[in-house]
Amino acid sequence: MDDDSLDLDSADFAPGEDTAERLALLTLEEAHDLLRLLQTVAQEEGPVSPDADRWAR
């Protein structure tokens, strides 16, 4: 894909300040729980295993 073909002015991006308000912070315990969940899903054979493995890394 040519970089010249990208029209960033017409792209529909969410404003940064609106996006940041929606991002939730995880506690350390929640982050570890999420990591364990991702690692478990990554070990299973299924359609989301590769994505879970990527996120777990």
C-alpha atoms as a PDB file:
ATOM      1  CA  MET A   1       0.000   0.000   0.000  1.00  0.00           C
ATOM      2  CA  ASP A   2       1.270   3.398  -0.943  1.00  0.00           C
ATOM      3  CA  ASP A   3       1.661   5.939   1.874  1.00  0.00           C
ATOM      4  CA  ASP A   4       0.416   8.577  -0.575  1.00  0.00           C
ATOM      5  CA  SER A   5      -2.953   6.813  -0.762  1.00  0.00           C
ATOM      6  CA  LEU A   6      -3.696   7.362   2.942  1.00  0.00           C
ATOM      7  CA  ASP A   7      -5.984  10.317   3.503  1.00  0.00           C
ATOM      8  CA  LEU A   8      -5.668  10.892   7.228  1.00  0.00           C
ATOM      9  CA  ASP A   9      -7.771  14.061   7.087  1.00  0.00           C
ATOM     10  CA  SER A  10     -10.815  12.048   6.037  1.00  0.00           C
ATOM     11  CA  ALA A  11     -10.196   9.206   8.529  1.00  0.00           C
ATOM     12  CA  ASP A  12     -12.699   8.952  11.359  1.00  0.00           C
ATOM     13  CA  PHE A  13     -10.597   8.822  14.540  1.00  0.00           C
ATOM     14  CA  ALA A  14     -12.004   9.219  18.027  1.00  0.00           C
ATOM     15  CA  PRO A  15     -10.610  12.323  19.720  1.00  0.00           C
ATOM     16  CA  GLY A  16      -7.820  11.392  22.111  1.00  0.00           C
ATOM     17  CA  GLU A  17      -9.376  13.049  25.116  1.00  0.00           C
ATOM     18  CA  ASP A  18     -12.625  11.091  24.648  1.00  0.00           C
ATOM     19  CA  THR A  19     -10.773   7.825  24.199  1.00  0.00           C
ATOM     20  CA  ALA A  20      -8.601   8.305  27.265  1.00  0.00           C
ATOM     21  CA  GLU A  21     -11.641   8.766  29.472  1.00  0.00           C
ATOM     22  CA  ARG A  22     -12.939   5.342  28.458  1.00  0.00           C
ATOM     23  CA  LEU A  23      -9.726   3.463  29.202  1.00  0.00           C
ATOM     24  CA  ALA A  24      -9.944   1.659  32.502  1.00  0.00           C
ATOM     25  CA  LEU A  25      -6.868   1.030  34.577  1.00  0.00           C
ATOM     26  CA  LEU A  26      -6.336  -2.430  36.007  1.00  0.00           C
ATOM     27  CA  THR A  27      -5.051  -3.143  39.453  1.00  0.00           C
ATOM     28  CA  LEU A  28      -1.950  -5.318  39.596  1.00  0.00           C
ATOM     29  CA  GLU A  29      -4.089  -8.262  40.726  1.00  0.00           C
ATOM     30  CA  GLU A  30      -6.524  -7.745  37.830  1.00  0.00           C
ATOM     31  CA  ALA A  31      -3.645  -7.521  35.377  1.00  0.00           C
ATOM     32  CA  HIS A  32      -2.226 -10.813  36.639  1.00  0.00           C
ATOM     33  CA  ASP A  33      -5.673 -12.432  36.422  1.00  0.00           C
ATOM     34  CA  LEU A  34      -6.031 -11.222  32.841  1.00  0.00           C
ATOM     35  CA  LEU A  35      -2.564 -12.507  31.972  1.00  0.00           C
ATOM     36  CA  ARG A  36      -3.391 -15.949  33.416  1.00  0.00           C
ATOM     37  CA  LEU A  37      -6.634 -16.011  31.435  1.00  0.00           C
ATOM     38  CA  LEU A  38      -4.853 -15.072  28.210  1.00  0.00           C
ATOM     39  CA  GLN A  39      -2.191 -17.725  28.798  1.00  0.00           C
ATOM     40  CA  THR A  40      -4.860 -20.364  29.422  1.00  0.00           C
ATOM     41  CA  VAL A  41      -6.790 -19.449  26.278  1.00  0.00           C
ATOM     42  CA  ALA A  42      -3.546 -19.355  24.264  1.00  0.00           C
ATOM     43  CA  GLN A  43      -2.813 -22.964  25.240  1.00  0.00           C
ATOM     44  CA  GLU A  44      -6.195 -24.174  23.964  1.00  0.00           C
ATOM     45  CA  GLU A  45      -6.802 -24.953  20.324  1.00  0.00           C
ATOM     46  CA  GLY A  46      -9.329 -22.479  19.063  1.00  0.00           C
ATOM     47  CA  PRO A  47      -9.901 -19.497  16.818  1.00  0.00           C
ATOM     48  CA  VAL A  48      -8.761 -16.931  19.399  1.00  0.00           C
ATOM     49  CA  SER A  49      -5.679 -18.820  20.633  1.00  0.00           C
ATOM     50  CA  PRO A  50      -3.206 -16.911  18.439  1.00  0.00           C
ATOM     51  CA  ASP A  51      -4.643 -13.565  19.547  1.00  0.00           C
ATOM     52  CA  ALA A  52      -4.567 -14.575  23.205  1.00  0.00           C
ATOM     53  CA  ASP A  53      -0.959 -15.698  22.814  1.00  0.00           C
ATOM     54  CA  ARG A  54      -0.013 -12.397  21.189  1.00  0.00           C
ATOM     55  CA  TRP A  55      -1.690 -10.384  23.974  1.00  0.00           C
ATOM     56  CA  ALA A  56      -0.153 -12.568  26.688  1.00  0.00           C
ATOM     57  CA  ARG A  57       3.345 -11.885  25.358  1.00  0.00           C
END
